[in-house]
PDB file of N, CA and C in Angstrom:
ATOM      1  N   MET A   1      22.945 -14.785  -0.891  1.00  0.00           N
ATOM      2  CA  MET A   1      22.277 -13.519  -1.128  1.00  0.00           C
ATOM      3  C   MET A   1      20.813 -13.576  -0.696  1.00  0.00           C
ATOM      4  N   LYS A   2      20.139 -14.690  -1.002  1.00  0.00           N
ATOM      5  CA  LYS A   2      18.735 -14.828  -0.623  1.00  0.00           C
ATOM      6  C   LYS A   2      18.602 -14.813   0.905  1.00  0.00           C
ATOM      7  N   ARG A   3      19.559 -15.416   1.576  1.00  0.00           N
ATOM      8  CA  ARG A   3      19.517 -15.482   3.037  1.00  0.00           C
ATOM      9  C   ARG A   3      19.632 -14.078   3.646  1.00  0.00           C
ATOM     10  N   ILE A   4      20.493 -13.247   3.091  1.00  0.00           N
ATOM     11  CA  ILE A   4      20.654 -11.877   3.592  1.00  0.00           C
ATOM     12  C   ILE A   4      19.363 -11.093   3.387  1.00  0.00           C
ATOM     13  N   ALA A   5      18.753 -11.227   2.224  1.00  0.00           N
ATOM     14  CA  ALA A   5      17.497 -10.525   1.945  1.00  0.00           C
ATOM     15  C   ALA A   5      16.416 -10.980   2.918  1.00  0.00           C
ATOM     16  N   PHE A   6      16.337 -12.284   3.190  1.00  0.00           N
ATOM     17  CA  PHE A   6      15.357 -12.815   4.122  1.00  0.00           C
ATOM     18  C   PHE A   6      15.571 -12.238   5.520  1.00  0.00           C
ATOM     19  N   LEU A   7      16.831 -12.167   5.963  1.00  0.00           N
ATOM     20  CA  LEU A   7      17.128 -11.621   7.289  1.00  0.00           C
ATOM     21  C   LEU A   7      16.762 -10.147   7.374  1.00  0.00           C
ATOM     22  N   LEU A   8      17.023  -9.397   6.334  1.00  0.00           N
ATOM     23  CA  LEU A   8      16.669  -7.980   6.330  1.00  0.00           C
ATOM     24  C   LEU A   8      15.157  -7.778   6.374  1.00  0.00           C
ATOM     25  N   ILE A   9      14.446  -8.565   5.608  1.00  0.00           N
ATOM     26  CA  ILE A   9      12.983  -8.474   5.604  1.00  0.00           C
ATOM     27  C   ILE A   9      12.430  -8.876   6.968  1.00  0.00           C
ATOM     28  N   SER A  10      12.978  -9.929   7.566  1.00  0.00           N
ATOM     29  CA  SER A  10      12.541 -10.374   8.890  1.00  0.00           C
ATOM     30  C   SER A  10      12.807  -9.302   9.931  1.00  0.00           C
ATOM     31  N   ALA A  11      13.969  -8.680   9.903  1.00  0.00           N
ATOM     32  CA  ALA A  11      14.309  -7.633  10.864  1.00  0.00           C
ATOM     33  C   ALA A  11      13.382  -6.436  10.697  1.00  0.00           C
ATOM     34  N   ALA A  12      13.048  -6.079   9.473  1.00  0.00           N
ATOM     35  CA  ALA A  12      12.130  -4.962   9.234  1.00  0.00           C
ATOM     36  C   ALA A  12      10.755  -5.282   9.791  1.00  0.00           C
ATOM     37  N   GLY A  13      10.310  -6.504   9.646  1.00  0.00           N
ATOM     38  CA  GLY A  13       9.015  -6.919  10.194  1.00  0.00           C
ATOM     39  C   GLY A  13       8.994  -6.841  11.705  1.00  0.00           C
ATOM     40  N   LEU A  14      10.070  -7.215  12.353  1.00  0.00           N
ATOM     41  CA  LEU A  14      10.148  -7.120  13.806  1.00  0.00           C
ATOM     42  C   LEU A  14      10.112  -5.676  14.266  1.00  0.00           C
ATOM     43  N   ALA A  15      10.772  -4.808  13.541  1.00  0.00           N
ATOM     44  CA  ALA A  15      10.767  -3.394  13.902  1.00  0.00           C
ATOM     45  C   ALA A  15       9.361  -2.825  13.807  1.00  0.00           C
ATOM     46  N   LEU A  16       8.609  -3.221  12.781  1.00  0.00           N
ATOM     47  CA  LEU A  16       7.252  -2.730  12.638  1.00  0.00           C
ATOM     48  C   LEU A  16       6.349  -3.263  13.739  1.00  0.00           C
ATOM     49  N   ALA A  17       6.590  -4.477  14.178  1.00  0.00           N
ATOM     50  CA  ALA A  17       5.754  -5.084  15.206  1.00  0.00           C
ATOM     51  C   ALA A  17       5.947  -4.424  16.562  1.00  0.00           C
ATOM     52  N   ALA A  18       7.028  -3.692  16.741  1.00  0.00           N
ATOM     53  CA  ALA A  18       7.327  -3.102  18.033  1.00  0.00           C
ATOM     54  C   ALA A  18       6.430  -1.920  18.371  1.00  0.00           C
ATOM     55  N   GLY A  19       5.768  -1.327  17.432  1.00  0.00           N
ATOM     56  CA  GLY A  19       4.895  -0.198  17.705  1.00  0.00           C
ATOM     57  C   GLY A  19       5.512   1.115  17.283  1.00  0.00           C
ATOM     58  N   ASP A  20       4.687   2.124  17.226  1.00  0.00           N
ATOM     59  CA  ASP A  20       5.066   3.454  16.777  1.00  0.00           C
ATOM     60  C   ASP A  20       4.891   4.419  17.945  1.00  0.00           C
ATOM     61  N   ALA A  21       5.993   4.953  18.455  1.00  0.00           N
ATOM     62  CA  ALA A  21       5.953   5.824  19.634  1.00  0.00           C
ATOM     63  C   ALA A  21       5.134   7.086  19.382  1.00  0.00           C
ATOM     64  N   ALA A  22       5.203   7.645  18.169  1.00  0.00           N
ATOM     65  CA  ALA A  22       4.433   8.862  17.871  1.00  0.00           C
ATOM     66  C   ALA A  22       2.930   8.573  17.915  1.00  0.00           C
ATOM     67  N   ALA A  23       2.517   7.463  17.321  1.00  0.00           N
ATOM     68  CA  ALA A  23       1.105   7.070  17.386  1.00  0.00           C
ATOM     69  C   ALA A  23       0.726   6.714  18.818  1.00  0.00           C
ATOM     70  N   GLY A  24       1.678   6.114  19.536  1.00  0.00           N
ATOM     71  CA  GLY A  24       1.440   5.773  20.940  1.00  0.00           C
ATOM     72  C   GLY A  24       1.213   6.993  21.803  1.00  0.00           C
ATOM     73  N   LYS A  25       1.913   8.083  21.499  1.00  0.00           N
ATOM     74  CA  LYS A  25       1.726   9.327  22.255  1.00  0.00           C
ATOM     75  C   LYS A  25       0.308   9.847  22.085  1.00  0.00           C
ATOM     76  N   VAL A  26      -0.230   9.735  20.870  1.00  0.00           N
ATOM     77  CA  VAL A  26      -1.603  10.178  20.608  1.00  0.00           C
ATOM     78  C   VAL A  26      -2.582   9.366  21.463  1.00  0.00           C
ATOM     79  N   ALA A  27      -2.435   8.034  21.448  1.00  0.00           N
ATOM     80  CA  ALA A  27      -3.316   7.169  22.238  1.00  0.00           C
ATOM     81  C   ALA A  27      -3.109   7.402  23.729  1.00  0.00           C
ATOM     82  N   TYR A  28      -1.843   7.564  24.146  1.00  0.00           N
ATOM     83  CA  TYR A  28      -1.509   7.825  25.547  1.00  0.00           C
ATOM     84  C   TYR A  28      -2.146   9.131  26.006  1.00  0.00           C
ATOM     85  N   ASP A  29      -2.040  10.171  25.190  1.00  0.00           N
ATOM     86  CA  ASP A  29      -2.614  11.472  25.556  1.00  0.00           C
ATOM     87  C   ASP A  29      -4.121  11.379  25.772  1.00  0.00           C
ATOM     88  N   LYS A  30      -4.794  10.545  25.010  1.00  0.00           N
ATOM     89  CA  LYS A  30      -6.245  10.392  25.138  1.00  0.00           C
ATOM     90  C   LYS A  30      -6.634   9.548  26.348  1.00  0.00           C
ATOM     91  N   ALA A  31      -5.870   8.496  26.623  1.00  0.00           N
ATOM     92  CA  ALA A  31      -6.317   7.512  27.604  1.00  0.00           C
ATOM     93  C   ALA A  31      -5.516   7.457  28.907  1.00  0.00           C
ATOM     94  N   CYS A  32      -4.288   7.955  28.902  1.00  0.00           N
ATOM     95  CA  CYS A  32      -3.398   7.721  30.043  1.00  0.00           C
ATOM     96  C   CYS A  32      -2.907   8.991  30.730  1.00  0.00           C
ATOM     97  N   LYS A  33      -2.830  10.059  29.969  1.00  0.00           N
ATOM     98  CA  LYS A  33      -2.195  11.294  30.431  1.00  0.00           C
ATOM     99  C   LYS A  33      -2.841  11.865  31.689  1.00  0.00           C
ATOM    100  N   SER A  34      -4.142  11.739  31.848  1.00  0.00           N
ATOM    101  CA  SER A  34      -4.800  12.353  32.998  1.00  0.00           C
ATOM    102  C   SER A  34      -4.281  11.791  34.316  1.00  0.00           C
ATOM    103  N   CYS A  35      -3.880  10.538  34.342  1.00  0.00           N
ATOM    104  CA  CYS A  35      -3.331   9.935  35.569  1.00  0.00           C
ATOM    105  C   CYS A  35      -1.804   9.899  35.562  1.00  0.00           C
ATOM    106  N   HIS A  36      -1.221   9.598  34.409  1.00  0.00           N
ATOM    107  CA  HIS A  36       0.226   9.383  34.335  1.00  0.00           C
ATOM    108  C   HIS A  36       1.011  10.588  33.839  1.00  0.00           C
ATOM    109  N   GLY A  37       0.337  11.694  33.560  1.00  0.00           N
ATOM    110  CA  GLY A  37       1.020  12.919  33.157  1.00  0.00           C
ATOM    111  C   GLY A  37       1.549  12.874  31.740  1.00  0.00           C
ATOM    112  N   THR A  38       1.831  14.037  31.216  1.00  0.00           N
ATOM    113  CA  THR A  38       2.308  14.177  29.842  1.00  0.00           C
ATOM    114  C   THR A  38       3.611  13.430  29.597  1.00  0.00           C
ATOM    115  N   ASP A  39       4.496  13.481  30.585  1.00  0.00           N
ATOM    116  CA  ASP A  39       5.831  12.884  30.430  1.00  0.00           C
ATOM    117  C   ASP A  39       6.030  11.613  31.242  1.00  0.00           C
ATOM    118  N   GLY A  40       4.935  11.007  31.701  1.00  0.00           N
ATOM    119  CA  GLY A  40       5.032   9.770  32.475  1.00  0.00           C
ATOM    120  C   GLY A  40       5.176   9.986  33.966  1.00  0.00           C
ATOM    121  N   THR A  41       5.216  11.248  34.390  1.00  0.00           N
ATOM    122  CA  THR A  41       5.285  11.576  35.811  1.00  0.00           C
ATOM    123  C   THR A  41       3.862  11.589  36.354  1.00  0.00           C
ATOM    124  N   ALA A  42       3.615  10.806  37.369  1.00  0.00           N
ATOM    125  CA  ALA A  42       2.260  10.630  37.890  1.00  0.00           C
ATOM    126  C   ALA A  42       1.612  11.953  38.298  1.00  0.00           C
ATOM    127  N   ASN A  43       0.301  12.017  38.106  1.00  0.00           N
ATOM    128  CA  ASN A  43      -0.500  13.134  38.581  1.00  0.00           C
ATOM    129  C   ASN A  43      -0.643  12.945  40.091  1.00  0.00           C
ATOM    130  N   ALA A  44       0.009  13.812  40.866  1.00  0.00           N
ATOM    131  CA  ALA A  44       0.039  13.674  42.328  1.00  0.00           C
ATOM    132  C   ALA A  44      -1.359  13.698  42.941  1.00  0.00           C
ATOM    133  N   ASN A  45      -2.248  14.493  42.394  1.00  0.00           N
ATOM    134  CA  ASN A  45      -3.613  14.572  42.944  1.00  0.00           C
ATOM    135  C   ASN A  45      -4.369  13.257  42.758  1.00  0.00           C
ATOM    136  N   ILE A  46      -4.205  12.636  41.611  1.00  0.00           N
ATOM    137  CA  ILE A  46      -4.860  11.343  41.347  1.00  0.00           C
ATOM    138  C   ILE A  46      -4.269  10.277  42.263  1.00  0.00           C
ATOM    139  N   ALA A  47      -2.950  10.249  42.387  1.00  0.00           N
ATOM    140  CA  ALA A  47      -2.292   9.266  43.250  1.00  0.00           C
ATOM    141  C   ALA A  47      -2.768   9.419  44.699  1.00  0.00           C
ATOM    142  N   LYS A  48      -2.863  10.650  45.157  1.00  0.00           N
ATOM    143  CA  LYS A  48      -3.311  10.904  46.536  1.00  0.00           C
ATOM    144  C   LYS A  48      -4.756  10.466  46.717  1.00  0.00           C
ATOM    145  N   MET A  49      -5.608  10.803  45.768  1.00  0.00           N
ATOM    146  CA  MET A  49      -7.018  10.437  45.838  1.00  0.00           C
ATOM    147  C   MET A  49      -7.194   8.912  45.874  1.00  0.00           C
ATOM    148  N   MET A  50      -6.391   8.210  45.054  1.00  0.00           N
ATOM    149  CA  MET A  50      -6.492   6.749  44.993  1.00  0.00           C
ATOM    150  C   MET A  50      -5.690   6.057  46.088  1.00  0.00           C
ATOM    151  N   LYS A  51      -4.910   6.853  46.835  1.00  0.00           N
ATOM    152  CA  LYS A  51      -4.062   6.322  47.902  1.00  0.00           C
ATOM    153  C   LYS A  51      -3.108   5.254  47.373  1.00  0.00           C
ATOM    154  N   VAL A  52      -2.412   5.631  46.296  1.00  0.00           N
ATOM    155  CA  VAL A  52      -1.427   4.740  45.683  1.00  0.00           C
ATOM    156  C   VAL A  52      -0.169   5.523  45.355  1.00  0.00           C
ATOM    157  N   GLU A  53       0.921   4.800  45.196  1.00  0.00           N
ATOM    158  CA  GLU A  53       2.149   5.392  44.682  1.00  0.00           C
ATOM    159  C   GLU A  53       2.234   5.028  43.209  1.00  0.00           C
ATOM    160  N   MET A  54       2.247   6.030  42.357  1.00  0.00           N
ATOM    161  CA  MET A  54       2.397   5.785  40.921  1.00  0.00           C
ATOM    162  C   MET A  54       3.847   6.045  40.556  1.00  0.00           C
ATOM    163  N   LYS A  55       4.461   5.045  39.980  1.00  0.00           N
ATOM    164  CA  LYS A  55       5.849   5.191  39.554  1.00  0.00           C
ATOM    165  C   LYS A  55       5.933   6.013  38.275  1.00  0.00           C
ATOM    166  N   ASN A  56       7.011   6.737  38.137  1.00  0.00           N
ATOM    167  CA  ASN A  56       7.293   7.450  36.896  1.00  0.00           C
ATOM    168  C   ASN A  56       7.457   6.400  35.800  1.00  0.00           C
ATOM    169  N   LEU A  57       6.762   6.561  34.691  1.00  0.00           N
ATOM    170  CA  LEU A  57       6.817   5.561  33.626  1.00  0.00           C
ATOM    171  C   LEU A  57       8.181   5.468  32.957  1.00  0.00           C
ATOM    172  N   GLY A  58       9.008   6.467  33.143  1.00  0.00           N
ATOM    173  CA  GLY A  58      10.363   6.436  32.596  1.00  0.00           C
ATOM    174  C   GLY A  58      11.377   5.842  33.554  1.00  0.00           C
ATOM    175  N   SER A  59      10.934   5.501  34.757  1.00  0.00           N
ATOM    176  CA  SER A  59      11.848   4.981  35.787  1.00  0.00           C
ATOM    177  C   SER A  59      12.372   3.593  35.445  1.00  0.00           C
ATOM    178  N   ALA A  60      13.479   3.249  36.068  1.00  0.00           N
ATOM    179  CA  ALA A  60      14.083   1.932  35.855  1.00  0.00           C
ATOM    180  C   ALA A  60      13.118   0.814  36.253  1.00  0.00           C
ATOM    181  N   ALA A  61      12.336   1.034  37.301  1.00  0.00           N
ATOM    182  CA  ALA A  61      11.397   0.006  37.765  1.00  0.00           C
ATOM    183  C   ALA A  61      10.342  -0.306  36.709  1.00  0.00           C
ATOM    184  N   VAL A  62       9.803   0.709  36.086  1.00  0.00           N
ATOM    185  CA  VAL A  62       8.784   0.495  35.050  1.00  0.00           C
ATOM    186  C   VAL A  62       9.438  -0.022  33.775  1.00  0.00           C
ATOM    187  N   GLN A  63      10.560   0.558  33.396  1.00  0.00           N
ATOM    188  CA  GLN A  63      11.241   0.156  32.167  1.00  0.00           C
ATOM    189  C   GLN A  63      11.770  -1.283  32.238  1.00  0.00           C
ATOM    190  N   ALA A  64      11.923  -1.823  33.452  1.00  0.00           N
ATOM    191  CA  ALA A  64      12.391  -3.205  33.609  1.00  0.00           C
ATOM    192  C   ALA A  64      11.322  -4.222  33.208  1.00  0.00           C
ATOM    193  N   HIS A  65      10.069  -3.794  33.156  1.00  0.00           N
ATOM    194  CA  HIS A  65       8.991  -4.694  32.719  1.00  0.00           C
ATOM    195  C   HIS A  65       9.188  -5.044  31.242  1.00  0.00           C
ATOM    196  N   SER A  66       8.821  -6.251  30.892  1.00  0.00           N
ATOM    197  CA  SER A  66       8.855  -6.642  29.478  1.00  0.00           C
ATOM    198  C   SER A  66       7.706  -5.956  28.747  1.00  0.00           C
ATOM    199  N   ASP A  67       7.801  -5.920  27.432  1.00  0.00           N
ATOM    200  CA  ASP A  67       6.700  -5.367  26.638  1.00  0.00           C
ATOM    201  C   ASP A  67       5.414  -6.139  26.917  1.00  0.00           C
ATOM    202  N   ALA A  68       5.520  -7.446  27.046  1.00  0.00           N
ATOM    203  CA  ALA A  68       4.344  -8.276  27.330  1.00  0.00           C
ATOM    204  C   ALA A  68       3.724  -7.884  28.668  1.00  0.00           C
ATOM    205  N   ASP A  69       4.560  -7.615  29.667  1.00  0.00           N
ATOM    206  CA  ASP A  69       4.042  -7.181  30.972  1.00  0.00           C
ATOM    207  C   ASP A  69       3.297  -5.852  30.846  1.00  0.00           C
ATOM    208  N   LEU A  70       3.887  -4.903  30.123  1.00  0.00           N
ATOM    209  CA  LEU A  70       3.249  -3.594  29.962  1.00  0.00           C
ATOM    210  C   LEU A  70       1.929  -3.725  29.201  1.00  0.00           C
ATOM    211  N   LYS A  71       1.895  -4.565  28.182  1.00  0.00           N
ATOM    212  CA  LYS A  71       0.654  -4.790  27.437  1.00  0.00           C
ATOM    213  C   LYS A  71      -0.417  -5.380  28.351  1.00  0.00           C
ATOM    214  N   LYS A  72      -0.009  -6.292  29.211  1.00  0.00           N
ATOM    215  CA  LYS A  72      -0.950  -6.927  30.138  1.00  0.00           C
ATOM    216  C   LYS A  72      -1.505  -5.891  31.118  1.00  0.00           C
ATOM    217  N   ILE A  73      -0.649  -5.002  31.599  1.00  0.00           N
ATOM    218  CA  ILE A  73      -1.100  -3.960  32.523  1.00  0.00           C
ATOM    219  C   ILE A  73      -2.120  -3.052  31.836  1.00  0.00           C
ATOM    220  N   VAL A  74      -1.855  -2.672  30.592  1.00  0.00           N
ATOM    221  CA  VAL A  74      -2.799  -1.832  29.850  1.00  0.00           C
ATOM    222  C   VAL A  74      -4.117  -2.575  29.661  1.00  0.00           C
ATOM    223  N   GLY A  75      -4.042  -3.827  29.269  1.00  0.00           N
ATOM    224  CA  GLY A  75      -5.247  -4.601  28.943  1.00  0.00           C
ATOM    225  C   GLY A  75      -6.023  -5.135  30.124  1.00  0.00           C
ATOM    226  N   GLU A  76      -5.325  -5.428  31.231  1.00  0.00           N
ATOM    227  CA  GLU A  76      -5.990  -6.050  32.376  1.00  0.00           C
ATOM    228  C   GLU A  76      -5.982  -5.185  33.628  1.00  0.00           C
ATOM    229  N   GLY A  77      -5.169  -4.117  33.625  1.00  0.00           N
ATOM    230  CA  GLY A  77      -5.041  -3.295  34.821  1.00  0.00           C
ATOM    231  C   GLY A  77      -4.051  -3.911  35.789  1.00  0.00           C
ATOM    232  N   GLN A  78      -3.785  -3.178  36.867  1.00  0.00           N
ATOM    233  CA  GLN A  78      -2.882  -3.669  37.904  1.00  0.00           C
ATOM    234  C   GLN A  78      -3.167  -2.881  39.176  1.00  0.00           C
ATOM    235  N   GLY A  79      -3.323  -3.589  40.280  1.00  0.00           N
ATOM    236  CA  GLY A  79      -3.646  -2.911  41.527  1.00  0.00           C
ATOM    237  C   GLY A  79      -4.958  -2.153  41.369  1.00  0.00           C
ATOM    238  N   LYS A  80      -4.949  -0.863  41.713  1.00  0.00           N
ATOM    239  CA  LYS A  80      -6.157  -0.046  41.587  1.00  0.00           C
ATOM    240  C   LYS A  80      -6.379   0.479  40.171  1.00  0.00           C
ATOM    241  N   MET A  81      -5.377   0.301  39.304  1.00  0.00           N
ATOM    242  CA  MET A  81      -5.535   0.735  37.918  1.00  0.00           C
ATOM    243  C   MET A  81      -6.443  -0.244  37.178  1.00  0.00           C
ATOM    244  N   LYS A  82      -7.482   0.284  36.588  1.00  0.00           N
ATOM    245  CA  LYS A  82      -8.419  -0.528  35.812  1.00  0.00           C
ATOM    246  C   LYS A  82      -7.868  -0.750  34.403  1.00  0.00           C
ATOM    247  N   PRO A  83      -8.357  -1.781  33.709  1.00  0.00           N
ATOM    248  CA  PRO A  83      -7.950  -1.965  32.309  1.00  0.00           C
ATOM    249  C   PRO A  83      -8.283  -0.720  31.493  1.00  0.00           C
ATOM    250  N   VAL A  84      -7.443  -0.413  30.532  1.00  0.00           N
ATOM    251  CA  VAL A  84      -7.675   0.746  29.667  1.00  0.00           C
ATOM    252  C   VAL A  84      -8.395   0.230  28.419  1.00  0.00           C
ATOM    253  N   LYS A  85      -9.708   0.219  28.486  1.00  0.00           N
ATOM    254  CA  LYS A  85     -10.516  -0.386  27.424  1.00  0.00           C
ATOM    255  C   LYS A  85     -10.503   0.407  26.128  1.00  0.00           C
ATOM    256  N   THR A  86     -10.094   1.675  26.182  1.00  0.00           N
ATOM    257  CA  THR A  86     -10.069   2.492  24.969  1.00  0.00           C
ATOM    258  C   THR A  86      -8.773   2.315  24.182  1.00  0.00           C
ATOM    259  N   VAL A  87      -7.803   1.610  24.750  1.00  0.00           N
ATOM    260  CA  VAL A  87      -6.545   1.331  24.045  1.00  0.00           C
ATOM    261  C   VAL A  87      -6.576  -0.144  23.651  1.00  0.00           C
ATOM    262  N   THR A  88      -6.742  -0.389  22.342  1.00  0.00           N
ATOM    263  CA  THR A  88      -6.886  -1.759  21.860  1.00  0.00           C
ATOM    264  C   THR A  88      -6.048  -1.973  20.611  1.00  0.00           C
ATOM    265  N   GLY A  89      -5.934  -3.213  20.211  1.00  0.00           N
ATOM    266  CA  GLY A  89      -5.250  -3.576  18.976  1.00  0.00           C
ATOM    267  C   GLY A  89      -3.833  -3.040  18.921  1.00  0.00           C
ATOM    268  N   GLY A  90      -3.480  -2.476  17.768  1.00  0.00           N
ATOM    269  CA  GLY A  90      -2.136  -1.945  17.548  1.00  0.00           C
ATOM    270  C   GLY A  90      -1.795  -0.781  18.449  1.00  0.00           C
ATOM    271  N   ASP A  91      -2.824  -0.096  18.971  1.00  0.00           N
ATOM    272  CA  ASP A  91      -2.536   1.026  19.874  1.00  0.00           C
ATOM    273  C   ASP A  91      -1.870   0.570  21.167  1.00  0.00           C
ATOM    274  N   VAL A  92      -2.095  -0.663  21.573  1.00  0.00           N
ATOM    275  CA  VAL A  92      -1.418  -1.163  22.772  1.00  0.00           C
ATOM    276  C   VAL A  92       0.090  -1.201  22.517  1.00  0.00           C
ATOM    277  N   ASP A  93       0.493  -1.745  21.375  1.00  0.00           N
ATOM    278  CA  ASP A  93       1.916  -1.759  21.011  1.00  0.00           C
ATOM    279  C   ASP A  93       2.469  -0.342  20.899  1.00  0.00           C
ATOM    280  N   ASN A  94       1.666   0.547  20.349  1.00  0.00           N
ATOM    281  CA  ASN A  94       2.104   1.928  20.187  1.00  0.00           C
ATOM    282  C   ASN A  94       2.291   2.622  21.534  1.00  0.00           C
ATOM    283  N   VAL A  95       1.376   2.389  22.469  1.00  0.00           N
ATOM    284  CA  VAL A  95       1.510   2.986  23.802  1.00  0.00           C
ATOM    285  C   VAL A  95       2.753   2.436  24.496  1.00  0.00           C
ATOM    286  N   VAL A  96       2.995   1.148  24.361  1.00  0.00           N
ATOM    287  CA  VAL A  96       4.208   0.556  24.952  1.00  0.00           C
ATOM    288  C   VAL A  96       5.446   1.208  24.332  1.00  0.00           C
ATOM    289  N   ALA A  97       5.439   1.413  23.029  1.00  0.00           N
ATOM    290  CA  ALA A  97       6.571   2.074  22.369  1.00  0.00           C
ATOM    291  C   ALA A  97       6.756   3.495  22.916  1.00  0.00           C
ATOM    292  N   PHE A  98       5.647   4.214  23.140  1.00  0.00           N
ATOM    293  CA  PHE A  98       5.744   5.556  23.713  1.00  0.00           C
ATOM    294  C   PHE A  98       6.304   5.509  25.135  1.00  0.00           C
ATOM    295  N   VAL A  99       5.827   4.570  25.939  1.00  0.00           N
ATOM    296  CA  VAL A  99       6.331   4.426  27.315  1.00  0.00           C
ATOM    297  C   VAL A  99       7.833   4.138  27.273  1.00  0.00           C
ATOM    298  N   ARG A 100       8.270   3.323  26.349  1.00  0.00           N
ATOM    299  CA  ARG A 100       9.713   3.048  26.205  1.00  0.00           C
ATOM    300  C   ARG A 100      10.489   4.326  25.871  1.00  0.00           C
ATOM    301  N   SER A 101       9.854   5.238  25.142  1.00  0.00           N
ATOM    302  CA  SER A 101      10.543   6.488  24.772  1.00  0.00           C
ATOM    303  C   SER A 101      10.735   7.417  25.967  1.00  0.00           C
ATOM    304  N   LEU A 102      10.073   7.124  27.077  1.00  0.00           N
ATOM    305  CA  LEU A 102      10.180   7.953  28.285  1.00  0.00           C
ATOM    306  C   LEU A 102      11.338   7.536  29.182  1.00  0.00           C
ATOM    307  N   LYS A 103      12.053   6.491  28.784  1.00  0.00           N
ATOM    308  CA  LYS A 103      13.138   5.958  29.612  1.00  0.00           C
ATOM    309  C   LYS A 103      14.111   7.058  30.012  1.00  0.00           C
ATOM    310  N   LYS A 104      14.438   7.091  31.291  1.00  0.00           N
ATOM    311  CA  LYS A 104      15.345   8.105  31.848  1.00  0.00           C
ATOM    312  C   LYS A 104      16.782   7.690  31.672  1.00  0.00           C
TER     313      LYS A 104
END
């Protein structure tokens, strides 16, 4: 019985560590939406100006990244994308959870 309780508590802790998509949407709307769009579809004008192809965040290519990869991209940037310095701490996990909710 103690073992079952321990497993349930451990599983609940893992679920909490994954982030909150609703809170992630709030952080995403403030820091990411201007380039990546409300629904993860790239802002064509920004992509053209930067001369880059921005993938849809709900696409299989983006969703294939691990959570750690997505966190690294937010924190360190990638290609012409600069680090998102306004998304820190638990909000990084939350933004990743929101990006996961965009899966097509």
